[in-house]
Amino acid sequence: MDLGVRLVDKSESSVVFAFIEADYIVDYRIKSDLQEEALKAFAEFNAVHNVWPFWRQHVFDVVDKGRLPRIEVPFFAGLKLK
């Protein structure tokens, strides 16, 4: 799963000051047989929610260590910031 965030100029969003990206691998173990389609649907829906807290913390850590302006990352995946 690839996640990223950009710090852009408010007046000109094409000007990127900084960006943070991370790749996550999510590995699920199951105890019973499931159809491939069900497994894929489960992973596509749940993986981002399982990874999100780690992604959020990663962004906060990089911003803090780099002394960058604060970047808001929603508490839950899928929420849009204003």
PDB file of N, CA and C in Angstrom:
ATOM      1  N   MET A   1       0.845  -1.152   0.000  1.00  0.00           N
ATOM      2  CA  MET A   1       0.000   0.000   0.000  1.00  0.00           C
ATOM      3  C   MET A   1       0.898   1.225   0.000  1.00  0.00           C
ATOM      4  N   ASP A   2       0.676   2.112  -0.937  1.00  0.00           N
ATOM      5  CA  ASP A   2       1.457   3.340  -1.066  1.00  0.00           C
ATOM      6  C   ASP A   2       0.644   4.508  -0.520  1.00  0.00           C
ATOM      7  N   LEU A   3       1.240   5.277   0.380  1.00  0.00           N
ATOM      8  CA  LEU A   3       0.582   6.457   0.942  1.00  0.00           C
ATOM      9  C   LEU A   3       1.515   7.648   0.820  1.00  0.00           C
ATOM     10  N   GLY A   4       0.935   8.828   0.696  1.00  0.00           N
ATOM     11  CA  GLY A   4       1.751  10.024   0.579  1.00  0.00           C
ATOM     12  C   GLY A   4       0.982  11.271   0.933  1.00  0.00           C
ATOM     13  N   VAL A   5       1.735  12.307   1.278  1.00  0.00           N
ATOM     14  CA  VAL A   5       1.157  13.611   1.604  1.00  0.00           C
ATOM     15  C   VAL A   5       2.127  14.671   1.104  1.00  0.00           C
ATOM     16  N   ARG A   6       1.583  15.812   0.694  1.00  0.00           N
ATOM     17  CA  ARG A   6       2.425  16.897   0.181  1.00  0.00           C
ATOM     18  C   ARG A   6       2.172  18.166   0.981  1.00  0.00           C
ATOM     19  N   LEU A   7       3.211  18.952   1.171  1.00  0.00           N
ATOM     20  CA  LEU A   7       3.114  20.287   1.752  1.00  0.00           C
ATOM     21  C   LEU A   7       3.256  21.252   0.584  1.00  0.00           C
ATOM     22  N   VAL A   8       2.150  21.964   0.263  1.00  0.00           N
ATOM     23  CA  VAL A   8       2.132  22.824  -0.924  1.00  0.00           C
ATOM     24  C   VAL A   8       1.883  24.275  -0.546  1.00  0.00           C
ATOM     25  N   ASP A   9       2.198  25.151  -1.476  1.00  0.00           N
ATOM     26  CA  ASP A   9       1.927  26.581  -1.344  1.00  0.00           C
ATOM     27  C   ASP A   9       0.417  26.788  -1.430  1.00  0.00           C
ATOM     28  N   LYS A  10      -0.166  27.497  -0.447  1.00  0.00           N
ATOM     29  CA  LYS A  10      -1.615  27.713  -0.433  1.00  0.00           C
ATOM     30  C   LYS A  10      -2.103  28.441  -1.675  1.00  0.00           C
ATOM     31  N   SER A  11      -1.311  29.365  -2.178  1.00  0.00           N
ATOM     32  CA  SER A  11      -1.751  30.147  -3.333  1.00  0.00           C
ATOM     33  C   SER A  11      -1.463  29.455  -4.666  1.00  0.00           C
ATOM     34  N   GLU A  12      -0.548  28.518  -4.658  1.00  0.00           N
ATOM     35  CA  GLU A  12      -0.181  27.827  -5.901  1.00  0.00           C
ATOM     36  C   GLU A  12       0.093  26.365  -5.575  1.00  0.00           C
ATOM     37  N   SER A  13      -0.951  25.541  -5.648  1.00  0.00           N
ATOM     38  CA  SER A  13      -0.832  24.150  -5.207  1.00  0.00           C
ATOM     39  C   SER A  13       0.154  23.321  -6.025  1.00  0.00           C
ATOM     40  N   SER A  14       0.595  23.827  -7.172  1.00  0.00           N
ATOM     41  CA  SER A  14       1.578  23.068  -7.949  1.00  0.00           C
ATOM     42  C   SER A  14       2.991  23.224  -7.390  1.00  0.00           C
ATOM     43  N   VAL A  15       3.175  24.175  -6.455  1.00  0.00           N
ATOM     44  CA  VAL A  15       4.475  24.361  -5.810  1.00  0.00           C
ATOM     45  C   VAL A  15       4.518  23.469  -4.566  1.00  0.00           C
ATOM     46  N   VAL A  16       5.339  22.429  -4.625  1.00  0.00           N
ATOM     47  CA  VAL A  16       5.445  21.470  -3.528  1.00  0.00           C
ATOM     48  C   VAL A  16       6.696  21.787  -2.719  1.00  0.00           C
ATOM     49  N   PHE A  17       6.510  22.072  -1.429  1.00  0.00           N
ATOM     50  CA  PHE A  17       7.640  22.356  -0.544  1.00  0.00           C
ATOM     51  C   PHE A  17       8.266  21.072  -0.008  1.00  0.00           C
ATOM     52  N   ALA A  18       7.425  20.096   0.282  1.00  0.00           N
ATOM     53  CA  ALA A  18       7.918  18.828   0.823  1.00  0.00           C
ATOM     54  C   ALA A  18       6.866  17.753   0.575  1.00  0.00           C
ATOM     55  N   PHE A  19       7.317  16.521   0.535  1.00  0.00           N
ATOM     56  CA  PHE A  19       6.366  15.417   0.453  1.00  0.00           C
ATOM     57  C   PHE A  19       6.895  14.257   1.281  1.00  0.00           C
ATOM     58  N   ILE A  20       5.970  13.492   1.812  1.00  0.00           N
ATOM     59  CA  ILE A  20       6.305  12.315   2.615  1.00  0.00           C
ATOM     60  C   ILE A  20       5.565  11.149   1.984  1.00  0.00           C
ATOM     61  N   GLU A  21       6.282  10.081   1.723  1.00  0.00           N
ATOM     62  CA  GLU A  21       5.689   8.890   1.133  1.00  0.00           C
ATOM     63  C   GLU A  21       6.144   7.668   1.914  1.00  0.00           C
ATOM     64  N   ALA A  22       5.310   6.644   1.913  1.00  0.00           N
ATOM     65  CA  ALA A  22       5.669   5.384   2.560  1.00  0.00           C
ATOM     66  C   ALA A  22       4.951   4.241   1.855  1.00  0.00           C
ATOM     67  N   ASP A  23       5.598   3.103   1.814  1.00  0.00           N
ATOM     68  CA  ASP A  23       5.010   1.879   1.267  1.00  0.00           C
ATOM     69  C   ASP A  23       4.855   0.889   2.413  1.00  0.00           C
ATOM     70  N   TYR A  24       3.682   0.297   2.511  1.00  0.00           N
ATOM     71  CA  TYR A  24       3.402  -0.685   3.556  1.00  0.00           C
ATOM     72  C   TYR A  24       2.994  -2.003   2.906  1.00  0.00           C
ATOM     73  N   ILE A  25       3.408  -3.075   3.521  1.00  0.00           N
ATOM     74  CA  ILE A  25       2.970  -4.406   3.111  1.00  0.00           C
ATOM     75  C   ILE A  25       2.093  -4.940   4.231  1.00  0.00           C
ATOM     76  N   VAL A  26       0.894  -5.343   3.874  1.00  0.00           N
ATOM     77  CA  VAL A  26      -0.053  -5.870   4.856  1.00  0.00           C
ATOM     78  C   VAL A  26      -0.239  -7.351   4.558  1.00  0.00           C
ATOM     79  N   ASP A  27       0.012  -8.178   5.552  1.00  0.00           N
ATOM     80  CA  ASP A  27      -0.064  -9.625   5.390  1.00  0.00           C
ATOM     81  C   ASP A  27      -1.093 -10.159   6.376  1.00  0.00           C
ATOM     82  N   TYR A  28      -2.151 -10.758   5.865  1.00  0.00           N
ATOM     83  CA  TYR A  28      -3.193 -11.334   6.716  1.00  0.00           C
ATOM     84  C   TYR A  28      -3.056 -12.850   6.716  1.00  0.00           C
ATOM     85  N   ARG A  29      -3.341 -13.436   7.857  1.00  0.00           N
ATOM     86  CA  ARG A  29      -3.350 -14.898   7.974  1.00  0.00           C
ATOM     87  C   ARG A  29      -4.778 -15.322   8.294  1.00  0.00           C
ATOM     88  N   ILE A  30      -5.230 -16.352   7.611  1.00  0.00           N
ATOM     89  CA  ILE A  30      -6.589 -16.833   7.837  1.00  0.00           C
ATOM     90  C   ILE A  30      -6.541 -18.294   8.259  1.00  0.00           C
ATOM     91  N   LYS A  31      -7.554 -18.695   9.018  1.00  0.00           N
ATOM     92  CA  LYS A  31      -7.603 -20.070   9.509  1.00  0.00           C
ATOM     93  C   LYS A  31      -8.487 -20.972   8.656  1.00  0.00           C
ATOM     94  N   SER A  32      -9.320 -20.380   7.838  1.00  0.00           N
ATOM     95  CA  SER A  32     -10.197 -21.199   7.000  1.00  0.00           C
ATOM     96  C   SER A  32     -10.099 -20.739   5.551  1.00  0.00           C
ATOM     97  N   ASP A  33     -10.578 -21.587   4.673  1.00  0.00           N
ATOM     98  CA  ASP A  33     -10.546 -21.259   3.249  1.00  0.00           C
ATOM     99  C   ASP A  33     -11.610 -20.222   2.916  1.00  0.00           C
ATOM    100  N   LEU A  34     -11.207 -19.230   2.159  1.00  0.00           N
ATOM    101  CA  LEU A  34     -12.126 -18.217   1.659  1.00  0.00           C
ATOM    102  C   LEU A  34     -11.907 -18.084   0.161  1.00  0.00           C
ATOM    103  N   GLN A  35     -12.950 -17.671  -0.517  1.00  0.00           N
ATOM    104  CA  GLN A  35     -12.822 -17.453  -1.952  1.00  0.00           C
ATOM    105  C   GLN A  35     -11.894 -16.276  -2.199  1.00  0.00           C
ATOM    106  N   GLU A  36     -11.156 -16.354  -3.294  1.00  0.00           N
ATOM    107  CA  GLU A  36     -10.195 -15.305  -3.648  1.00  0.00           C
ATOM    108  C   GLU A  36     -10.858 -13.931  -3.710  1.00  0.00           C
ATOM    109  N   GLU A  37     -12.056 -13.876  -4.249  1.00  0.00           N
ATOM    110  CA  GLU A  37     -12.780 -12.606  -4.371  1.00  0.00           C
ATOM    111  C   GLU A  37     -13.085 -12.007  -2.996  1.00  0.00           C
ATOM    112  N   ALA A  38     -13.464 -12.853  -2.043  1.00  0.00           N
ATOM    113  CA  ALA A  38     -13.759 -12.384  -0.687  1.00  0.00           C
ATOM    114  C   ALA A  38     -12.489 -11.885  -0.002  1.00  0.00           C
ATOM    115  N   LEU A  39     -11.388 -12.592  -0.196  1.00  0.00           N
ATOM    116  CA  LEU A  39     -10.112 -12.165   0.382  1.00  0.00           C
ATOM    117  C   LEU A  39      -9.680 -10.815  -0.172  1.00  0.00           C
ATOM    118  N   LYS A  40      -9.812 -10.651  -1.470  1.00  0.00           N
ATOM    119  CA  LYS A  40      -9.421  -9.400  -2.107  1.00  0.00           C
ATOM    120  C   LYS A  40     -10.280  -8.244  -1.600  1.00  0.00           C
ATOM    121  N   ALA A  41     -11.585  -8.454  -1.503  1.00  0.00           N
ATOM    122  CA  ALA A  41     -12.488  -7.411  -1.004  1.00  0.00           C
ATOM    123  C   ALA A  41     -12.144  -7.045   0.438  1.00  0.00           C
ATOM    124  N   PHE A  42     -11.865  -8.053   1.262  1.00  0.00           N
ATOM    125  CA  PHE A  42     -11.495  -7.804   2.655  1.00  0.00           C
ATOM    126  C   PHE A  42     -10.221  -6.971   2.735  1.00  0.00           C
ATOM    127  N   ALA A  43      -9.203  -7.369   1.993  1.00  0.00           N
ATOM    128  CA  ALA A  43      -7.916  -6.674   2.049  1.00  0.00           C
ATOM    129  C   ALA A  43      -8.027  -5.248   1.526  1.00  0.00           C
ATOM    130  N   GLU A  44      -8.746  -5.060   0.426  1.00  0.00           N
ATOM    131  CA  GLU A  44      -8.871  -3.715  -0.138  1.00  0.00           C
ATOM    132  C   GLU A  44      -9.582  -2.764   0.819  1.00  0.00           C
ATOM    133  N   PHE A  45     -10.572  -3.260   1.538  1.00  0.00           N
ATOM    134  CA  PHE A  45     -11.314  -2.403   2.459  1.00  0.00           C
ATOM    135  C   PHE A  45     -10.557  -2.193   3.766  1.00  0.00           C
ATOM    136  N   ASN A  46      -9.977  -3.249   4.313  1.00  0.00           N
ATOM    137  CA  ASN A  46      -9.401  -3.191   5.653  1.00  0.00           C
ATOM    138  C   ASN A  46      -7.953  -2.737   5.719  1.00  0.00           C
ATOM    139  N   ALA A  47      -7.169  -2.985   4.688  1.00  0.00           N
ATOM    140  CA  ALA A  47      -5.734  -2.692   4.758  1.00  0.00           C
ATOM    141  C   ALA A  47      -5.462  -1.231   5.089  1.00  0.00           C
ATOM    142  N   VAL A  48      -6.136  -0.317   4.425  1.00  0.00           N
ATOM    143  CA  VAL A  48      -5.880   1.104   4.688  1.00  0.00           C
ATOM    144  C   VAL A  48      -6.232   1.469   6.129  1.00  0.00           C
ATOM    145  N   HIS A  49      -7.286   0.871   6.667  1.00  0.00           N
ATOM    146  CA  HIS A  49      -7.671   1.170   8.047  1.00  0.00           C
ATOM    147  C   HIS A  49      -6.684   0.566   9.046  1.00  0.00           C
ATOM    148  N   ASN A  50      -6.106  -0.575   8.706  1.00  0.00           N
ATOM    149  CA  ASN A  50      -5.115  -1.198   9.582  1.00  0.00           C
ATOM    150  C   ASN A  50      -3.780  -0.473   9.551  1.00  0.00           C
ATOM    151  N   VAL A  51      -3.424   0.090   8.416  1.00  0.00           N
ATOM    152  CA  VAL A  51      -2.143   0.776   8.234  1.00  0.00           C
ATOM    153  C   VAL A  51      -2.206   2.227   8.698  1.00  0.00           C
ATOM    154  N   TRP A  52      -3.380   2.842   8.625  1.00  0.00           N
ATOM    155  CA  TRP A  52      -3.513   4.287   8.840  1.00  0.00           C
ATOM    156  C   TRP A  52      -2.853   4.802  10.116  1.00  0.00           C
ATOM    157  N   PRO A  53      -3.015   4.193  11.286  1.00  0.00           N
ATOM    158  CA  PRO A  53      -2.354   4.735  12.489  1.00  0.00           C
ATOM    159  C   PRO A  53      -0.832   4.783  12.362  1.00  0.00           C
ATOM    160  N   PHE A  54      -0.250   3.800  11.693  1.00  0.00           N
ATOM    161  CA  PHE A  54       1.204   3.777  11.498  1.00  0.00           C
ATOM    162  C   PHE A  54       1.628   4.873  10.521  1.00  0.00           C
ATOM    163  N   TRP A  55       0.842   5.070   9.474  1.00  0.00           N
ATOM    164  CA  TRP A  55       1.103   6.128   8.500  1.00  0.00           C
ATOM    165  C   TRP A  55       1.023   7.487   9.172  1.00  0.00           C
ATOM    166  N   ARG A  56      -0.014   7.698   9.934  1.00  0.00           N
ATOM    167  CA  ARG A  56      -0.233   8.977  10.614  1.00  0.00           C
ATOM    168  C   ARG A  56       0.947   9.300  11.536  1.00  0.00           C
ATOM    169  N   GLN A  57       1.377   8.318  12.311  1.00  0.00           N
ATOM    170  CA  GLN A  57       2.508   8.519  13.214  1.00  0.00           C
ATOM    171  C   GLN A  57       3.785   8.791  12.433  1.00  0.00           C
ATOM    172  N   HIS A  58       3.968   8.108  11.324  1.00  0.00           N
ATOM    173  CA  HIS A  58       5.148   8.327  10.480  1.00  0.00           C
ATOM    174  C   HIS A  58       5.192   9.775   9.996  1.00  0.00           C
ATOM    175  N   VAL A  59       4.072  10.293   9.518  1.00  0.00           N
ATOM    176  CA  VAL A  59       4.015  11.683   9.053  1.00  0.00           C
ATOM    177  C   VAL A  59       4.371  12.627  10.194  1.00  0.00           C
ATOM    178  N   PHE A  60       3.765  12.436  11.361  1.00  0.00           N
ATOM    179  CA  PHE A  60       4.049  13.313  12.502  1.00  0.00           C
ATOM    180  C   PHE A  60       5.522  13.259  12.891  1.00  0.00           C
ATOM    181  N   ASP A  61       6.121  12.067  12.877  1.00  0.00           N
ATOM    182  CA  ASP A  61       7.535  11.921  13.243  1.00  0.00           C
ATOM    183  C   ASP A  61       8.455  12.627  12.244  1.00  0.00           C
ATOM    184  N   VAL A  62       8.189  12.461  10.956  1.00  0.00           N
ATOM    185  CA  VAL A  62       9.020  13.099   9.930  1.00  0.00           C
ATOM    186  C   VAL A  62       8.899  14.614  10.017  1.00  0.00           C
ATOM    187  N   VAL A  63       7.687  15.107  10.182  1.00  0.00           N
ATOM    188  CA  VAL A  63       7.460  16.554  10.297  1.00  0.00           C
ATOM    189  C   VAL A  63       8.194  17.105  11.513  1.00  0.00           C
ATOM    190  N   ASP A  64       8.105  16.402  12.632  1.00  0.00           N
ATOM    191  CA  ASP A  64       8.758  16.854  13.862  1.00  0.00           C
ATOM    192  C   ASP A  64      10.281  16.850  13.710  1.00  0.00           C
ATOM    193  N   LYS A  65      10.835  15.763  13.214  1.00  0.00           N
ATOM    194  CA  LYS A  65      12.288  15.668  13.068  1.00  0.00           C
ATOM    195  C   LYS A  65      12.832  16.648  12.034  1.00  0.00           C
ATOM    196  N   GLY A  66      12.037  16.920  11.000  1.00  0.00           N
ATOM    197  CA  GLY A  66      12.463  17.849   9.962  1.00  0.00           C
ATOM    198  C   GLY A  66      12.121  19.294  10.264  1.00  0.00           C
ATOM    199  N   ARG A  67      11.468  19.515  11.402  1.00  0.00           N
ATOM    200  CA  ARG A  67      11.024  20.860  11.797  1.00  0.00           C
ATOM    201  C   ARG A  67      10.240  21.542  10.676  1.00  0.00           C
ATOM    202  N   LEU A  68       9.358  20.751  10.080  1.00  0.00           N
ATOM    203  CA  LEU A  68       8.493  21.253   9.017  1.00  0.00           C
ATOM    204  C   LEU A  68       7.210  21.813   9.622  1.00  0.00           C
ATOM    205  N   PRO A  69       6.491  22.622   8.861  1.00  0.00           N
ATOM    206  CA  PRO A  69       5.181  23.069   9.340  1.00  0.00           C
ATOM    207  C   PRO A  69       4.270  21.860   9.553  1.00  0.00           C
ATOM    208  N   ARG A  70       3.395  21.971  10.514  1.00  0.00           N
ATOM    209  CA  ARG A  70       2.501  20.870  10.854  1.00  0.00           C
ATOM    210  C   ARG A  70       1.651  20.473   9.642  1.00  0.00           C
ATOM    211  N   ILE A  71       1.554  19.180   9.415  1.00  0.00           N
ATOM    212  CA  ILE A  71       0.708  18.635   8.360  1.00  0.00           C
ATOM    213  C   ILE A  71      -0.428  17.885   9.039  1.00  0.00           C
ATOM    214  N   GLU A  72      -1.645  18.269   8.737  1.00  0.00           N
ATOM    215  CA  GLU A  72      -2.806  17.597   9.308  1.00  0.00           C
ATOM    216  C   GLU A  72      -3.057  16.288   8.569  1.00  0.00           C
ATOM    217  N   VAL A  73      -3.133  15.222   9.312  1.00  0.00           N
ATOM    218  CA  VAL A  73      -3.501  13.922   8.762  1.00  0.00           C
ATOM    219  C   VAL A  73      -4.783  13.515   9.480  1.00  0.00           C
ATOM    220  N   PRO A  74      -5.854  13.234   8.739  1.00  0.00           N
ATOM    221  CA  PRO A  74      -7.118  12.876   9.389  1.00  0.00           C
ATOM    222  C   PRO A  74      -6.941  11.703  10.346  1.00  0.00           C
ATOM    223  N   PHE A  75      -7.779  11.660  11.366  1.00  0.00           N
ATOM    224  CA  PHE A  75      -7.713  10.590  12.355  1.00  0.00           C
ATOM    225  C   PHE A  75      -8.078   9.250  11.730  1.00  0.00           C
ATOM    226  N   PHE A  76      -9.001   9.270  10.780  1.00  0.00           N
ATOM    227  CA  PHE A  76      -9.422   8.052  10.095  1.00  0.00           C
ATOM    228  C   PHE A  76      -9.157   8.182   8.605  1.00  0.00           C
ATOM    229  N   ALA A  77      -8.806   7.094   7.973  1.00  0.00           N
ATOM    230  CA  ALA A  77      -8.628   7.082   6.520  1.00  0.00           C
ATOM    231  C   ALA A  77      -9.954   7.400   5.853  1.00  0.00           C
ATOM    232  N   GLY A  78      -9.894   8.174   4.796  1.00  0.00           N
ATOM    233  CA  GLY A  78     -11.103   8.490   4.051  1.00  0.00           C
ATOM    234  C   GLY A  78     -11.708   9.829   4.397  1.00  0.00           C
ATOM    235  N   LEU A  79     -11.297  10.429   5.524  1.00  0.00           N
ATOM    236  CA  LEU A  79     -11.798  11.752   5.881  1.00  0.00           C
ATOM    237  C   LEU A  79     -11.030  12.793   5.090  1.00  0.00           C
ATOM    238  N   LYS A  80     -11.727  13.779   4.595  1.00  0.00           N
ATOM    239  CA  LYS A  80     -11.074  14.837   3.828  1.00  0.00           C
ATOM    240  C   LYS A  80     -10.914  16.073   4.692  1.00  0.00           C
ATOM    241  N   LEU A  81      -9.766  16.731   4.537  1.00  0.00           N
ATOM    242  CA  LEU A  81      -9.509  17.973   5.259  1.00  0.00           C
ATOM    243  C   LEU A  81      -9.984  19.145   4.432  1.00  0.00           C
ATOM    244  N   LYS A  82     -10.369  20.198   5.109  1.00  0.00           N
ATOM    245  CA  LYS A  82     -10.820  21.407   4.411  1.00  0.00           C
ATOM    246  C   LYS A  82      -9.636  22.223   3.984  1.00  0.00           C
TER     247      LYS A  82
END
